[in-house]
Amino acid sequence: MDDVRLKKIRLRAWRRGFREADLLLGPFADFYCPKFTTGQLDLLEALMDEADQDIYEWFLGRTPTPPQFDNEIMALLKAFDPSTGAPRLGA
């Protein structure tokens, strides 16, 4: 795995500019990025190209996730508990 790429993704996840997104995507990236395949990292980077408010609304389920982002990464994100930095129990 490319350590430089992982560091860039994790930094980008923590420095979103929308505090709620920082607190969601930062711990998510810390937990999952070292375990992700190259393809999964590609999906995460594509997701992080979207607006923070949109990602947060999809995470909360307030608005439907667009089909192009309704994938394994979004499923992991929706099952993630940012307060613990790990997946929710039973998820």
PDB file of N, CA and C in Angstrom:
ATOM      1  N   MET A   1       0.853  -1.185   0.000  1.00  0.00           N
ATOM      2  CA  MET A   1       0.000   0.000   0.000  1.00  0.00           C
ATOM      3  C   MET A   1       0.890   1.236   0.000  1.00  0.00           C
ATOM      4  N   ASP A   2       0.452   2.245  -0.665  1.00  0.00           N
ATOM      5  CA  ASP A   2       1.189   3.490  -0.815  1.00  0.00           C
ATOM      6  C   ASP A   2       0.969   4.365   0.425  1.00  0.00           C
ATOM      7  N   ASP A   3       1.992   4.466   1.278  1.00  0.00           N
ATOM      8  CA  ASP A   3       1.879   5.242   2.516  1.00  0.00           C
ATOM      9  C   ASP A   3       1.598   6.721   2.260  1.00  0.00           C
ATOM     10  N   VAL A   4       2.166   7.269   1.206  1.00  0.00           N
ATOM     11  CA  VAL A   4       1.938   8.680   0.874  1.00  0.00           C
ATOM     12  C   VAL A   4       0.462   8.898   0.542  1.00  0.00           C
ATOM     13  N   ARG A   5      -0.101   8.003  -0.236  1.00  0.00           N
ATOM     14  CA  ARG A   5      -1.524   8.118  -0.582  1.00  0.00           C
ATOM     15  C   ARG A   5      -2.394   8.026   0.671  1.00  0.00           C
ATOM     16  N   LEU A   6      -2.085   7.077   1.536  1.00  0.00           N
ATOM     17  CA  LEU A   6      -2.861   6.927   2.772  1.00  0.00           C
ATOM     18  C   LEU A   6      -2.797   8.192   3.628  1.00  0.00           C
ATOM     19  N   LYS A   7      -1.620   8.763   3.753  1.00  0.00           N
ATOM     20  CA  LYS A   7      -1.468   9.991   4.544  1.00  0.00           C
ATOM     21  C   LYS A   7      -2.276  11.137   3.944  1.00  0.00           C
ATOM     22  N   LYS A   8      -2.250  11.272   2.623  1.00  0.00           N
ATOM     23  CA  LYS A   8      -2.999  12.343   1.962  1.00  0.00           C
ATOM     24  C   LYS A   8      -4.503  12.170   2.161  1.00  0.00           C
ATOM     25  N   ILE A   9      -4.977  10.944   2.018  1.00  0.00           N
ATOM     26  CA  ILE A   9      -6.412  10.683   2.204  1.00  0.00           C
ATOM     27  C   ILE A   9      -6.820  10.982   3.640  1.00  0.00           C
ATOM     28  N   ARG A  10      -6.024  10.529   4.584  1.00  0.00           N
ATOM     29  CA  ARG A  10      -6.372  10.751   5.992  1.00  0.00           C
ATOM     30  C   ARG A  10      -6.335  12.239   6.339  1.00  0.00           C
ATOM     31  N   LEU A  11      -5.370  12.967   5.835  1.00  0.00           N
ATOM     32  CA  LEU A  11      -5.312  14.407   6.071  1.00  0.00           C
ATOM     33  C   LEU A  11      -6.520  15.094   5.449  1.00  0.00           C
ATOM     34  N   ARG A  12      -6.848  14.709   4.243  1.00  0.00           N
ATOM     35  CA  ARG A  12      -8.019  15.279   3.557  1.00  0.00           C
ATOM     36  C   ARG A  12      -9.310  14.973   4.320  1.00  0.00           C
ATOM     37  N   ALA A  13      -9.399  13.791   4.909  1.00  0.00           N
ATOM     38  CA  ALA A  13     -10.585  13.416   5.675  1.00  0.00           C
ATOM     39  C   ALA A  13     -10.731  14.260   6.938  1.00  0.00           C
ATOM     40  N   TRP A  14      -9.623  14.633   7.543  1.00  0.00           N
ATOM     41  CA  TRP A  14      -9.653  15.423   8.785  1.00  0.00           C
ATOM     42  C   TRP A  14      -9.764  16.920   8.546  1.00  0.00           C
ATOM     43  N   ARG A  15      -9.463  17.376   7.344  1.00  0.00           N
ATOM     44  CA  ARG A  15      -9.436  18.814   7.058  1.00  0.00           C
ATOM     45  C   ARG A  15     -10.467  19.179   5.999  1.00  0.00           C
ATOM     46  N   ARG A  16     -11.723  18.926   6.296  1.00  0.00           N
ATOM     47  CA  ARG A  16     -12.803  19.120   5.329  1.00  0.00           C
ATOM     48  C   ARG A  16     -13.285  20.565   5.270  1.00  0.00           C
ATOM     49  N   GLY A  17     -13.269  21.257   6.388  1.00  0.00           N
ATOM     50  CA  GLY A  17     -13.800  22.615   6.419  1.00  0.00           C
ATOM     51  C   GLY A  17     -15.197  22.681   6.991  1.00  0.00           C
ATOM     52  N   PHE A  18     -15.833  21.541   7.175  1.00  0.00           N
ATOM     53  CA  PHE A  18     -17.163  21.414   7.775  1.00  0.00           C
ATOM     54  C   PHE A  18     -16.957  20.488   8.970  1.00  0.00           C
ATOM     55  N   ARG A  19     -17.020  21.051  10.163  1.00  0.00           N
ATOM     56  CA  ARG A  19     -16.594  20.328  11.365  1.00  0.00           C
ATOM     57  C   ARG A  19     -17.236  18.942  11.510  1.00  0.00           C
ATOM     58  N   GLU A  20     -18.530  18.859  11.219  1.00  0.00           N
ATOM     59  CA  GLU A  20     -19.210  17.571  11.339  1.00  0.00           C
ATOM     60  C   GLU A  20     -18.604  16.529  10.395  1.00  0.00           C
ATOM     61  N   ALA A  21     -18.236  16.973   9.189  1.00  0.00           N
ATOM     62  CA  ALA A  21     -17.606  16.061   8.234  1.00  0.00           C
ATOM     63  C   ALA A  21     -16.208  15.666   8.710  1.00  0.00           C
ATOM     64  N   ASP A  22     -15.471  16.611   9.296  1.00  0.00           N
ATOM     65  CA  ASP A  22     -14.154  16.288   9.859  1.00  0.00           C
ATOM     66  C   ASP A  22     -14.274  15.181  10.903  1.00  0.00           C
ATOM     67  N   LEU A  23     -15.266  15.327  11.775  1.00  0.00           N
ATOM     68  CA  LEU A  23     -15.432  14.393  12.893  1.00  0.00           C
ATOM     69  C   LEU A  23     -16.013  13.052  12.460  1.00  0.00           C
ATOM     70  N   LEU A  24     -16.570  13.001  11.276  1.00  0.00           N
ATOM     71  CA  LEU A  24     -17.059  11.744  10.714  1.00  0.00           C
ATOM     72  C   LEU A  24     -15.988  11.081   9.858  1.00  0.00           C
ATOM     73  N   LEU A  25     -15.503  11.812   8.862  1.00  0.00           N
ATOM     74  CA  LEU A  25     -14.579  11.219   7.900  1.00  0.00           C
ATOM     75  C   LEU A  25     -13.175  11.001   8.457  1.00  0.00           C
ATOM     76  N   GLY A  26     -12.742  11.854   9.388  1.00  0.00           N
ATOM     77  CA  GLY A  26     -11.409  11.677   9.968  1.00  0.00           C
ATOM     78  C   GLY A  26     -11.258  10.342  10.680  1.00  0.00           C
ATOM     79  N   PRO A  27     -12.098  10.058  11.682  1.00  0.00           N
ATOM     80  CA  PRO A  27     -11.997   8.757  12.358  1.00  0.00           C
ATOM     81  C   PRO A  27     -12.261   7.575  11.416  1.00  0.00           C
ATOM     82  N   PHE A  28     -13.186   7.766  10.468  1.00  0.00           N
ATOM     83  CA  PHE A  28     -13.473   6.709   9.500  1.00  0.00           C
ATOM     84  C   PHE A  28     -12.215   6.367   8.704  1.00  0.00           C
ATOM     85  N   ALA A  29     -11.545   7.391   8.192  1.00  0.00           N
ATOM     86  CA  ALA A  29     -10.322   7.165   7.417  1.00  0.00           C
ATOM     87  C   ALA A  29      -9.224   6.556   8.289  1.00  0.00           C
ATOM     88  N   ASP A  30      -9.092   7.027   9.520  1.00  0.00           N
ATOM     89  CA  ASP A  30      -8.085   6.463  10.422  1.00  0.00           C
ATOM     90  C   ASP A  30      -8.313   4.969  10.626  1.00  0.00           C
ATOM     91  N   PHE A  31      -9.570   4.593  10.795  1.00  0.00           N
ATOM     92  CA  PHE A  31      -9.895   3.192  11.079  1.00  0.00           C
ATOM     93  C   PHE A  31      -9.773   2.318   9.830  1.00  0.00           C
ATOM     94  N   TYR A  32     -10.333   2.772   8.704  1.00  0.00           N
ATOM     95  CA  TYR A  32     -10.455   1.898   7.541  1.00  0.00           C
ATOM     96  C   TYR A  32      -9.344   2.000   6.504  1.00  0.00           C
ATOM     97  N   CYS A  33      -8.771   3.165   6.285  1.00  0.00           N
ATOM     98  CA  CYS A  33      -7.815   3.319   5.181  1.00  0.00           C
ATOM     99  C   CYS A  33      -6.682   2.295   5.185  1.00  0.00           C
ATOM    100  N   PRO A  34      -6.082   2.006   6.335  1.00  0.00           N
ATOM    101  CA  PRO A  34      -5.005   1.008   6.301  1.00  0.00           C
ATOM    102  C   PRO A  34      -5.473  -0.384   5.872  1.00  0.00           C
ATOM    103  N   LYS A  35      -6.773  -0.650   5.969  1.00  0.00           N
ATOM    104  CA  LYS A  35      -7.334  -1.962   5.626  1.00  0.00           C
ATOM    105  C   LYS A  35      -7.883  -2.008   4.201  1.00  0.00           C
ATOM    106  N   PHE A  36      -8.115  -0.838   3.594  1.00  0.00           N
ATOM    107  CA  PHE A  36      -8.765  -0.760   2.290  1.00  0.00           C
ATOM    108  C   PHE A  36      -7.848  -1.207   1.162  1.00  0.00           C
ATOM    109  N   THR A  37      -8.479  -1.769   0.138  1.00  0.00           N
ATOM    110  CA  THR A  37      -7.782  -2.077  -1.108  1.00  0.00           C
ATOM    111  C   THR A  37      -7.639  -0.783  -1.914  1.00  0.00           C
ATOM    112  N   THR A  38      -6.889  -0.844  -2.979  1.00  0.00           N
ATOM    113  CA  THR A  38      -6.743   0.313  -3.860  1.00  0.00           C
ATOM    114  C   THR A  38      -8.104   0.734  -4.415  1.00  0.00           C
ATOM    115  N   GLY A  39      -8.919  -0.223  -4.801  1.00  0.00           N
ATOM    116  CA  GLY A  39     -10.248   0.088  -5.325  1.00  0.00           C
ATOM    117  C   GLY A  39     -11.134   0.767  -4.292  1.00  0.00           C
ATOM    118  N   GLN A  40     -11.059   0.319  -3.053  1.00  0.00           N
ATOM    119  CA  GLN A  40     -11.845   0.942  -1.991  1.00  0.00           C
ATOM    120  C   GLN A  40     -11.358   2.365  -1.713  1.00  0.00           C
ATOM    121  N   LEU A  41     -10.056   2.572  -1.767  1.00  0.00           N
ATOM    122  CA  LEU A  41      -9.522   3.928  -1.598  1.00  0.00           C
ATOM    123  C   LEU A  41      -9.991   4.838  -2.731  1.00  0.00           C
ATOM    124  N   ASP A  42     -10.069   4.294  -3.940  1.00  0.00           N
ATOM    125  CA  ASP A  42     -10.588   5.073  -5.077  1.00  0.00           C
ATOM    126  C   ASP A  42     -12.025   5.514  -4.803  1.00  0.00           C
ATOM    127  N   LEU A  43     -12.848   4.595  -4.291  1.00  0.00           N
ATOM    128  CA  LEU A  43     -14.241   4.921  -3.978  1.00  0.00           C
ATOM    129  C   LEU A  43     -14.329   5.980  -2.883  1.00  0.00           C
ATOM    130  N   LEU A  44     -13.483   5.866  -1.872  1.00  0.00           N
ATOM    131  CA  LEU A  44     -13.477   6.852  -0.788  1.00  0.00           C
ATOM    132  C   LEU A  44     -13.068   8.223  -1.313  1.00  0.00           C
ATOM    133  N   GLU A  45     -12.047   8.262  -2.144  1.00  0.00           N
ATOM    134  CA  GLU A  45     -11.613   9.550  -2.702  1.00  0.00           C
ATOM    135  C   GLU A  45     -12.707  10.171  -3.571  1.00  0.00           C
ATOM    136  N   ALA A  46     -13.409   9.360  -4.336  1.00  0.00           N
ATOM    137  CA  ALA A  46     -14.518   9.880  -5.147  1.00  0.00           C
ATOM    138  C   ALA A  46     -15.613  10.439  -4.242  1.00  0.00           C
ATOM    139  N   LEU A  47     -15.902   9.764  -3.156  1.00  0.00           N
ATOM    140  CA  LEU A  47     -16.896  10.257  -2.206  1.00  0.00           C
ATOM    141  C   LEU A  47     -16.447  11.586  -1.613  1.00  0.00           C
ATOM    142  N   MET A  48     -15.177  11.687  -1.261  1.00  0.00           N
ATOM    143  CA  MET A  48     -14.680  12.907  -0.631  1.00  0.00           C
ATOM    144  C   MET A  48     -14.596  14.082  -1.604  1.00  0.00           C
ATOM    145  N   ASP A  49     -14.803  13.831  -2.890  1.00  0.00           N
ATOM    146  CA  ASP A  49     -14.897  14.925  -3.858  1.00  0.00           C
ATOM    147  C   ASP A  49     -16.244  15.641  -3.764  1.00  0.00           C
ATOM    148  N   GLU A  50     -17.200  15.018  -3.094  1.00  0.00           N
ATOM    149  CA  GLU A  50     -18.537  15.597  -2.967  1.00  0.00           C
ATOM    150  C   GLU A  50     -18.568  16.616  -1.828  1.00  0.00           C
ATOM    151  N   ALA A  51     -19.608  17.426  -1.813  1.00  0.00           N
ATOM    152  CA  ALA A  51     -19.763  18.454  -0.788  1.00  0.00           C
ATOM    153  C   ALA A  51     -19.967  17.817   0.586  1.00  0.00           C
ATOM    154  N   ASP A  52     -19.324  18.400   1.582  1.00  0.00           N
ATOM    155  CA  ASP A  52     -19.410  17.887   2.948  1.00  0.00           C
ATOM    156  C   ASP A  52     -20.848  17.758   3.435  1.00  0.00           C
ATOM    157  N   GLN A  53     -21.652  18.777   3.167  1.00  0.00           N
ATOM    158  CA  GLN A  53     -23.035  18.766   3.632  1.00  0.00           C
ATOM    159  C   GLN A  53     -23.807  17.604   3.005  1.00  0.00           C
ATOM    160  N   ASP A  54     -23.531  17.303   1.751  1.00  0.00           N
ATOM    161  CA  ASP A  54     -24.199  16.184   1.088  1.00  0.00           C
ATOM    162  C   ASP A  54     -23.796  14.861   1.730  1.00  0.00           C
ATOM    163  N   ILE A  55     -22.515  14.667   1.925  1.00  0.00           N
ATOM    164  CA  ILE A  55     -22.026  13.430   2.554  1.00  0.00           C
ATOM    165  C   ILE A  55     -22.663  13.263   3.932  1.00  0.00           C
ATOM    166  N   TYR A  56     -22.710  14.325   4.686  1.00  0.00           N
ATOM    167  CA  TYR A  56     -23.269  14.261   6.041  1.00  0.00           C
ATOM    168  C   TYR A  56     -24.769  13.935   6.000  1.00  0.00           C
ATOM    169  N   GLU A  57     -25.486  14.518   5.072  1.00  0.00           N
ATOM    170  CA  GLU A  57     -26.920  14.220   4.936  1.00  0.00           C
ATOM    171  C   GLU A  57     -27.137  12.764   4.536  1.00  0.00           C
ATOM    172  N   TRP A  58     -26.293  12.236   3.656  1.00  0.00           N
ATOM    173  CA  TRP A  58     -26.407  10.822   3.268  1.00  0.00           C
ATOM    174  C   TRP A  58     -26.111   9.934   4.460  1.00  0.00           C
ATOM    175  N   PHE A  59     -25.083  10.284   5.223  1.00  0.00           N
ATOM    176  CA  PHE A  59     -24.718   9.515   6.419  1.00  0.00           C
ATOM    177  C   PHE A  59     -25.884   9.466   7.401  1.00  0.00           C
ATOM    178  N   LEU A  60     -26.523  10.604   7.623  1.00  0.00           N
ATOM    179  CA  LEU A  60     -27.641  10.671   8.566  1.00  0.00           C
ATOM    180  C   LEU A  60     -28.914  10.053   8.009  1.00  0.00           C
ATOM    181  N   GLY A  61     -28.964   9.838   6.705  1.00  0.00           N
ATOM    182  CA  GLY A  61     -30.157   9.289   6.085  1.00  0.00           C
ATOM    183  C   GLY A  61     -31.242  10.319   5.839  1.00  0.00           C
ATOM    184  N   ARG A  62     -30.900  11.585   5.939  1.00  0.00           N
ATOM    185  CA  ARG A  62     -31.871  12.658   5.686  1.00  0.00           C
ATOM    186  C   ARG A  62     -32.209  12.793   4.216  1.00  0.00           C
ATOM    187  N   THR A  63     -31.229  12.494   3.365  1.00  0.00           N
ATOM    188  CA  THR A  63     -31.461  12.490   1.931  1.00  0.00           C
ATOM    189  C   THR A  63     -30.914  11.180   1.373  1.00  0.00           C
ATOM    190  N   PRO A  64     -31.515  10.677   0.311  1.00  0.00           N
ATOM    191  CA  PRO A  64     -31.040   9.407  -0.249  1.00  0.00           C
ATOM    192  C   PRO A  64     -29.633   9.544  -0.839  1.00  0.00           C
ATOM    193  N   THR A  65     -28.868   8.514  -0.675  1.00  0.00           N
ATOM    194  CA  THR A  65     -27.533   8.473  -1.267  1.00  0.00           C
ATOM    195  C   THR A  65     -27.680   8.257  -2.771  1.00  0.00           C
ATOM    196  N   PRO A  66     -27.057   9.103  -3.593  1.00  0.00           N
ATOM    197  CA  PRO A  66     -27.116   8.893  -5.047  1.00  0.00           C
ATOM    198  C   PRO A  66     -26.538   7.521  -5.414  1.00  0.00           C
ATOM    199  N   PRO A  67     -27.070   6.910  -6.457  1.00  0.00           N
ATOM    200  CA  PRO A  67     -26.627   5.557  -6.831  1.00  0.00           C
ATOM    201  C   PRO A  67     -25.114   5.412  -7.004  1.00  0.00           C
ATOM    202  N   GLN A  68     -24.446   6.434  -7.538  1.00  0.00           N
ATOM    203  CA  GLN A  68     -23.002   6.311  -7.772  1.00  0.00           C
ATOM    204  C   GLN A  68     -22.194   6.252  -6.466  1.00  0.00           C
ATOM    205  N   PHE A  69     -22.825   6.640  -5.339  1.00  0.00           N
ATOM    206  CA  PHE A  69     -22.129   6.581  -4.056  1.00  0.00           C
ATOM    207  C   PHE A  69     -22.744   5.549  -3.108  1.00  0.00           C
ATOM    208  N   ASP A  70     -23.764   4.866  -3.555  1.00  0.00           N
ATOM    209  CA  ASP A  70     -24.419   3.847  -2.736  1.00  0.00           C
ATOM    210  C   ASP A  70     -23.667   2.533  -2.928  1.00  0.00           C
ATOM    211  N   ASN A  71     -22.516   2.454  -2.298  1.00  0.00           N
ATOM    212  CA  ASN A  71     -21.610   1.327  -2.487  1.00  0.00           C
ATOM    213  C   ASN A  71     -21.077   0.851  -1.132  1.00  0.00           C
ATOM    214  N   GLU A  72     -20.090  -0.023  -1.170  1.00  0.00           N
ATOM    215  CA  GLU A  72     -19.561  -0.601   0.061  1.00  0.00           C
ATOM    216  C   GLU A  72     -18.959   0.446   1.001  1.00  0.00           C
ATOM    217  N   ILE A  73     -18.386   1.499   0.462  1.00  0.00           N
ATOM    218  CA  ILE A  73     -17.788   2.538   1.304  1.00  0.00           C
ATOM    219  C   ILE A  73     -18.877   3.286   2.052  1.00  0.00           C
ATOM    220  N   MET A  74     -19.948   3.645   1.365  1.00  0.00           N
ATOM    221  CA  MET A  74     -21.052   4.337   2.038  1.00  0.00           C
ATOM    222  C   MET A  74     -21.700   3.424   3.074  1.00  0.00           C
ATOM    223  N   ALA A  75     -21.825   2.141   2.776  1.00  0.00           N
ATOM    224  CA  ALA A  75     -22.389   1.203   3.755  1.00  0.00           C
ATOM    225  C   ALA A  75     -21.525   1.159   5.015  1.00  0.00           C
ATOM    226  N   LEU A  76     -20.208   1.129   4.841  1.00  0.00           N
ATOM    227  CA  LEU A  76     -19.302   1.146   5.993  1.00  0.00           C
ATOM    228  C   LEU A  76     -19.415   2.461   6.754  1.00  0.00           C
ATOM    229  N   LEU A  77     -19.522   3.564   6.003  1.00  0.00           N
ATOM    230  CA  LEU A  77     -19.637   4.877   6.635  1.00  0.00           C
ATOM    231  C   LEU A  77     -20.921   4.969   7.455  1.00  0.00           C
ATOM    232  N   LYS A  78     -22.023   4.501   6.898  1.00  0.00           N
ATOM    233  CA  LYS A  78     -23.304   4.559   7.602  1.00  0.00           C
ATOM    234  C   LYS A  78     -23.323   3.670   8.843  1.00  0.00           C
ATOM    235  N   ALA A  79     -22.491   2.641   8.860  1.00  0.00           N
ATOM    236  CA  ALA A  79     -22.410   1.740  10.012  1.00  0.00           C
ATOM    237  C   ALA A  79     -21.323   2.162  10.995  1.00  0.00           C
ATOM    238  N   PHE A  80     -20.676   3.290  10.731  1.00  0.00           N
ATOM    239  CA  PHE A  80     -19.546   3.756  11.543  1.00  0.00           C
ATOM    240  C   PHE A  80     -20.028   4.680  12.653  1.00  0.00           C
ATOM    241  N   ASP A  81     -19.427   4.537  13.810  1.00  0.00           N
ATOM    242  CA  ASP A  81     -19.739   5.408  14.957  1.00  0.00           C
ATOM    243  C   ASP A  81     -18.551   6.334  15.180  1.00  0.00           C
ATOM    244  N   PRO A  82     -18.662   7.594  14.728  1.00  0.00           N
ATOM    245  CA  PRO A  82     -17.512   8.492  14.862  1.00  0.00           C
ATOM    246  C   PRO A  82     -17.141   8.787  16.306  1.00  0.00           C
ATOM    247  N   SER A  83     -18.077   8.616  17.234  1.00  0.00           N
ATOM    248  CA  SER A  83     -17.762   8.891  18.642  1.00  0.00           C
ATOM    249  C   SER A  83     -16.826   7.851  19.239  1.00  0.00           C
ATOM    250  N   THR A  84     -16.854   6.635  18.694  1.00  0.00           N
ATOM    251  CA  THR A  84     -15.957   5.579  19.180  1.00  0.00           C
ATOM    252  C   THR A  84     -14.800   5.329  18.228  1.00  0.00           C
ATOM    253  N   GLY A  85     -14.926   5.812  16.990  1.00  0.00           N
ATOM    254  CA  GLY A  85     -13.882   5.576  15.991  1.00  0.00           C
ATOM    255  C   GLY A  85     -13.865   4.158  15.469  1.00  0.00           C
ATOM    256  N   ALA A  86     -15.035   3.490  15.528  1.00  0.00           N
ATOM    257  CA  ALA A  86     -15.139   2.108  15.093  1.00  0.00           C
ATOM    258  C   ALA A  86     -16.559   1.838  14.592  1.00  0.00           C
ATOM    259  N   PRO A  87     -16.754   0.720  13.916  1.00  0.00           N
ATOM    260  CA  PRO A  87     -18.114   0.383  13.481  1.00  0.00           C
ATOM    261  C   PRO A  87     -19.025   0.199  14.688  1.00  0.00           C
ATOM    262  N   ARG A  88     -20.300   0.518  14.494  1.00  0.00           N
ATOM    263  CA  ARG A  88     -21.285   0.307  15.552  1.00  0.00           C
ATOM    264  C   ARG A  88     -21.416  -1.188  15.829  1.00  0.00           C
ATOM    265  N   LEU A  89     -21.638  -1.535  17.052  1.00  0.00           N
ATOM    266  CA  LEU A  89     -21.835  -2.938  17.400  1.00  0.00           C
ATOM    267  C   LEU A  89     -23.054  -3.466  16.669  1.00  0.00           C
ATOM    268  N   GLY A  90     -22.914  -4.644  16.112  1.00  0.00           N
ATOM    269  CA  GLY A  90     -24.003  -5.250  15.374  1.00  0.00           C
ATOM    270  C   GLY A  90     -24.117  -4.774  13.942  1.00  0.00           C
ATOM    271  N   ALA A  91     -23.242  -3.870  13.530  1.00  0.00           N
ATOM    272  CA  ALA A  91     -23.312  -3.356  12.153  1.00  0.00           C
ATOM    273  C   ALA A  91     -22.474  -4.199  11.226  1.00  0.00           C
TER     274      ALA A  91
END
